[in-house]
Protein backbone atom coordinates (compact mmCIF):
# COMPACT_ATOMS: atom_id res chain seq x y z
CA MET A 1 0.00 0.00 0.00
CA GLU A 2 2.72 2.49 0.96
CA ASN A 3 4.71 1.70 -2.20
CA ARG A 4 1.68 2.45 -4.40
CA GLN A 5 1.03 5.73 -2.59
CA LEU A 6 4.66 6.74 -3.00
CA GLN A 7 4.53 5.95 -6.72
CA GLN A 8 1.36 8.02 -7.10
CA ALA A 9 2.92 10.92 -5.21
CA LEU A 10 6.01 10.84 -7.41
CA ALA A 11 3.90 10.71 -10.58
CA SER A 12 1.78 13.63 -9.38
CA HIS A 13 4.90 15.64 -8.56
CA ALA A 14 6.34 14.96 -12.02
CA VAL A 15 3.14 16.12 -13.74
CA VAL A 16 3.04 19.29 -11.64
CA ASP A 17 6.69 20.01 -12.51
CA GLN A 18 5.96 19.49 -16.22
CA ALA A 19 2.96 21.82 -16.02
CA ILE A 20 5.09 24.49 -14.35
CA GLY A 21 7.50 24.19 -17.27
CA VAL A 22 4.65 24.60 -19.76
CA LEU A 23 3.40 27.69 -17.92
CA THR A 24 6.90 29.14 -17.80
CA VAL A 25 7.22 28.87 -21.58
CA LEU A 26 3.69 29.51 -22.81
CA GLY A 27 2.60 31.87 -20.05
CA GLN A 28 5.92 33.68 -19.89
CA ILE A 29 6.00 33.71 -16.12
CA PRO A 30 8.86 32.93 -13.74
CA PRO A 31 9.06 29.27 -12.69
CA GLY A 32 8.38 30.31 -9.09
CA ASP A 33 4.94 31.60 -10.12
CA GLY A 34 3.97 28.41 -11.96
CA PHE A 35 2.86 26.52 -8.86
CA MET A 36 0.89 29.52 -7.62
CA VAL A 37 -0.93 29.72 -10.97
CA LEU A 38 -1.77 26.01 -10.86
CA ARG A 39 -2.99 26.34 -7.28
CA GLU A 40 -5.18 29.34 -8.11
CA VAL A 41 -6.76 27.59 -11.10
CA SER A 42 -7.34 24.51 -8.97
CA GLN A 43 -9.02 26.49 -6.21
CA HIS A 44 -11.12 28.70 -8.51
CA THR A 45 -12.42 25.76 -10.54
CA ASN A 46 -12.72 23.26 -7.68
CA THR A 47 -10.50 20.87 -9.65
CA LYS A 48 -7.70 18.78 -8.15
CA LEU A 49 -4.28 20.34 -8.67
CA THR A 50 -2.92 17.24 -10.39
CA GLN A 51 -5.86 17.25 -12.81
CA VAL A 52 -5.21 20.91 -13.67
CA ALA A 53 -1.53 20.06 -14.16
CA GLU A 54 -2.39 17.14 -16.46
CA GLU A 55 -4.62 19.39 -18.59
CA VAL A 56 -1.90 22.06 -18.81
CA VAL A 57 0.66 19.45 -19.93
CA LYS A 58 -1.77 18.17 -22.58
CA HIS A 59 -2.34 21.76 -23.69
CA GLY A 60 1.40 22.17 -24.08
CA GLN A 61 1.24 19.19 -26.45
CA GLY A 62 -1.50 20.80 -28.55
CA THR A 63 -4.74 19.74 -26.86
CA ALA A 64 -7.36 22.40 -26.14
CA LEU A 65 -8.03 23.20 -22.50
CA PRO A 66 -11.57 22.83 -21.14
CA ASP A 67 -13.26 26.25 -21.20
CA VAL A 68 -13.54 26.56 -17.43
CA LEU A 69 -9.82 25.91 -16.99
CA LEU A 70 -8.87 28.15 -19.90
CA GLY A 71 -10.67 31.17 -18.46
CA GLU A 72 -9.20 30.74 -15.00
CA LEU A 73 -5.74 30.02 -16.37
CA GLN A 74 -5.79 33.19 -18.46
CA ALA A 75 -6.91 35.22 -15.44
CA ALA A 76 -4.21 33.73 -13.19
CA LEU A 77 -1.51 34.27 -15.81
CA ALA A 78 -2.61 37.88 -16.26
CA ARG A 79 -2.38 38.47 -12.49
CA HIS A 80 1.12 37.03 -12.34
CA ALA A 81 2.31 38.85 -15.46
CA ALA A 82 1.20 42.09 -13.82
CA HIS A 83 2.86 41.20 -10.50
CA PRO A 84 5.64 38.64 -11.05
CA GLY A 85 6.80 36.83 -7.96
CA ARG A 86 3.90 38.06 -5.86
CA GLY A 87 1.99 35.48 -3.88
CA LEU A 88 -1.78 35.80 -3.55
């Protein structure tokens, strides 16, 4: 049981890291803001953080984001572009 949980945690962490990389490139934000953006989108859409991260990674590969995530992601990126490095 513990081994499976550890594997899931590592996989989740890897997806979040990949999503931060996508946001850094496509959203043109500092890497330090990437996690904050993911967290904000997760909270504002009531979607698990890892699910948001998976959708962002898919988007980086050319898949369209669901509308609800797209709107919140654009808003979060705009906030962080206006105030880089600022936590909310």
